Amino acid sequence: MTTQIVLLIILQLLFVFVGTLKTIYTVKGTPTSAATVNTISTVIGALGTKVFTQQSFFAIIVVMGLTTFIGSWLTKMLVDVWMKKEKLWTIVAVIKNEDAKNVEEALLQRSIQFTYTKAQNSRSIFTIFSYTRAESILVKEILDKYSIRFSIQESFQEF
């Protein structure tokens, strides 16, 4: 009986791990990777069903609850590490041409990437790219120095 419970725990953790991967790959993977992970998940589920039928209802509920929570949490943590997300903050500011040169020099001096377009009414539109929070703070300090209002948008790029 104890061996079967241990086997049940291992199979269920494996089933949850593969099931979580299946969900991720169904949405973000290729058709082949999604089909492969789905097939593995189904086979593990069938093995688990065979072991489940020999257990008490209480044991099944406890094991499934704990292993689903632990397995999902661990899988998500591993996938987040494996598929690093790169954050990018895009800052857009409309700057008077009289301040544009100073802002441009300050950004270049700090090696902060940006583009700008001259607009009408003696203004320029700056699009500034920040890859870290520290860089965003530097940009904010530069813009605040000239009392420039701006908008900031956070983007994620997954690899």
Protein backbone atom coordinates (compact mmCIF):
# COMPACT_ATOMS: atom_id res chain seq x y z
CA MET A 1 0.00 0.00 0.00
CA THR A 2 2.79 2.49 0.86
CA THR A 3 4.64 1.70 -2.37
CA GLN A 4 1.48 2.41 -4.33
CA ILE A 5 1.02 5.79 -2.58
CA VAL A 6 4.62 6.76 -3.40
CA LEU A 7 4.07 5.65 -7.00
CA LEU A 8 0.83 7.64 -7.08
CA ILE A 9 2.63 10.76 -5.81
CA ILE A 10 5.43 10.40 -8.38
CA LEU A 11 3.03 9.75 -11.26
CA GLN A 12 0.75 12.61 -10.26
CA LEU A 13 3.66 15.07 -9.95
CA LEU A 14 4.91 13.95 -13.34
CA PHE A 15 1.38 14.22 -14.79
CA VAL A 16 0.97 17.76 -13.45
CA PHE A 17 4.44 18.77 -14.69
CA VAL A 18 3.77 17.44 -18.18
CA GLY A 19 0.19 18.79 -18.12
CA THR A 20 1.45 22.28 -17.32
CA LEU A 21 4.04 22.02 -20.09
CA LYS A 22 1.27 20.77 -22.38
CA THR A 23 -0.74 23.92 -21.70
CA ILE A 24 2.25 26.18 -22.33
CA TYR A 25 3.30 24.38 -25.51
CA THR A 26 -0.26 24.26 -26.86
CA VAL A 27 -0.36 28.05 -26.69
CA LYS A 28 3.26 29.01 -27.41
CA GLY A 29 4.92 25.97 -29.01
CA THR A 30 5.00 24.43 -32.44
CA PRO A 31 2.32 21.90 -33.46
CA THR A 32 4.85 19.04 -33.16
CA SER A 33 6.00 20.04 -29.66
CA ALA A 34 2.37 20.49 -28.52
CA ALA A 35 1.38 17.06 -29.92
CA THR A 36 4.41 15.36 -28.35
CA VAL A 37 3.82 16.82 -24.89
CA ASN A 38 0.08 16.05 -25.15
CA THR A 39 0.82 12.41 -26.02
CA ILE A 40 3.21 12.04 -23.09
CA SER A 41 0.63 13.64 -20.80
CA THR A 42 -2.07 11.22 -21.93
CA VAL A 43 0.14 8.15 -21.39
CA ILE A 44 1.13 9.32 -17.89
CA GLY A 45 -2.56 9.99 -17.14
CA ALA A 46 -3.44 6.44 -18.17
CA LEU A 47 -0.73 5.03 -15.88
CA GLY A 48 -1.98 7.23 -13.06
CA THR A 49 -5.55 6.02 -13.58
CA LYS A 50 -4.38 2.43 -13.18
CA VAL A 51 -2.74 3.25 -9.84
CA PHE A 52 -5.63 5.51 -8.70
CA THR A 53 -8.19 2.74 -8.91
CA GLN A 54 -6.46 0.88 -6.08
CA GLN A 55 -6.43 3.83 -3.62
CA SER A 56 -8.94 5.22 -1.15
CA PHE A 57 -10.90 8.31 -2.11
CA PHE A 58 -9.23 10.35 0.66
CA ALA A 59 -5.72 9.36 -0.47
CA ILE A 60 -6.52 10.31 -4.07
CA ILE A 61 -7.89 13.74 -3.05
CA VAL A 62 -4.92 14.57 -0.80
CA VAL A 63 -2.29 13.37 -3.28
CA MET A 64 -3.94 15.07 -6.27
CA GLY A 65 -4.42 18.35 -4.42
CA LEU A 66 -0.88 18.60 -3.09
CA THR A 67 0.86 17.34 -6.23
CA THR A 68 -1.19 19.58 -8.51
CA PHE A 69 -0.28 22.66 -6.51
CA ILE A 70 3.40 21.73 -6.07
CA GLY A 71 3.83 20.45 -9.63
CA SER A 72 2.19 23.48 -11.25
CA TRP A 73 4.19 25.90 -9.13
CA LEU A 74 7.52 24.18 -9.82
CA THR A 75 6.84 23.83 -13.55
CA LYS A 76 5.89 27.49 -13.89
CA MET A 77 9.05 28.53 -12.03
CA LEU A 78 11.22 26.34 -14.29
CA VAL A 79 9.56 27.60 -17.47
CA ASP A 80 9.97 31.22 -16.35
CA VAL A 81 13.69 30.63 -15.83
CA TRP A 82 14.03 28.67 -19.07
CA MET A 83 12.02 31.13 -21.21
CA LYS A 84 13.51 34.36 -19.90
CA LYS A 85 11.31 37.37 -20.42
CA GLU A 86 13.04 40.52 -21.50
CA LYS A 87 11.39 43.67 -20.26
CA LEU A 88 11.46 46.86 -22.26
CA TRP A 89 10.08 50.18 -21.19
CA THR A 90 9.17 52.59 -23.98
CA ILE A 91 9.06 56.21 -22.91
CA VAL A 92 7.47 58.79 -25.21
CA ALA A 93 7.96 62.51 -24.65
CA VAL A 94 7.04 65.58 -26.68
CA ILE A 95 9.89 68.05 -26.17
CA LYS A 96 10.30 71.68 -27.15
CA ASN A 97 13.07 72.04 -29.73
CA GLU A 98 14.96 74.38 -27.38
CA ASP A 99 15.29 71.48 -24.88
CA ALA A 100 15.64 68.68 -27.44
CA LYS A 101 19.39 69.13 -27.95
CA ASN A 102 20.05 69.00 -24.17
CA VAL A 103 17.91 65.89 -23.75
CA GLU A 104 19.61 64.25 -26.75
CA GLU A 105 23.07 64.94 -25.29
CA ALA A 106 22.09 63.65 -21.85
CA LEU A 107 20.69 60.42 -23.33
CA LEU A 108 23.76 59.89 -25.54
CA GLN A 109 26.08 60.55 -22.60
CA ARG A 110 24.36 57.76 -20.64
CA SER A 111 24.18 55.41 -23.68
CA ILE A 112 20.40 55.27 -23.52
CA GLN A 113 18.81 54.30 -26.84
CA PHE A 114 16.23 56.59 -28.38
CA THR A 115 14.78 57.90 -31.59
CA TYR A 116 13.23 61.26 -32.27
CA THR A 117 11.17 62.91 -34.93
CA LYS A 118 10.82 66.62 -35.48
CA ALA A 119 7.20 67.62 -35.24
CA GLN A 120 5.27 70.83 -35.85
CA ASN A 121 5.03 73.75 -33.44
CA SER A 122 8.77 73.68 -32.59
CA ARG A 123 8.53 70.29 -30.94
CA SER A 124 10.21 66.88 -31.26
CA ILE A 125 8.80 63.49 -30.32
CA PHE A 126 11.33 61.35 -28.46
CA THR A 127 10.84 57.60 -28.12
CA ILE A 128 13.28 56.38 -25.47
CA PHE A 129 14.02 52.70 -24.81
CA SER A 130 14.91 51.49 -21.34
CA TYR A 131 15.86 47.90 -20.51
CA THR A 132 16.17 48.30 -16.73
CA ARG A 133 14.43 50.14 -13.93
CA ALA A 134 17.66 52.02 -13.21
CA GLU A 135 17.79 53.25 -16.79
CA SER A 136 14.15 54.34 -16.55
CA ILE A 137 14.97 56.36 -13.43
CA LEU A 138 17.82 58.09 -15.30
CA VAL A 139 15.45 58.95 -18.15
CA LYS A 140 12.90 60.30 -15.67
CA GLU A 141 15.56 62.49 -14.04
CA ILE A 142 16.62 63.88 -17.43
CA LEU A 143 13.04 64.66 -18.44
CA ASP A 144 12.14 66.10 -15.02
CA LYS A 145 15.14 68.46 -15.22
CA TYR A 146 13.43 70.18 -18.17
CA SER A 147 9.86 69.75 -16.79
CA ILE A 148 8.97 67.43 -19.67
CA ARG A 149 5.87 65.28 -19.39
CA PHE A 150 6.08 61.75 -20.73
CA SER A 151 4.25 58.45 -20.95
CA ILE A 152 5.82 55.08 -20.23
CA GLN A 153 4.75 51.65 -21.41
CA GLU A 154 6.13 48.32 -20.27
CA SER A 155 6.53 45.58 -22.87
CA PHE A 156 7.60 41.94 -22.62
CA GLN A 157 9.47 39.99 -25.24
CA GLU A 158 9.66 36.25 -24.65
CA PHE A 159 12.44 34.06 -25.98
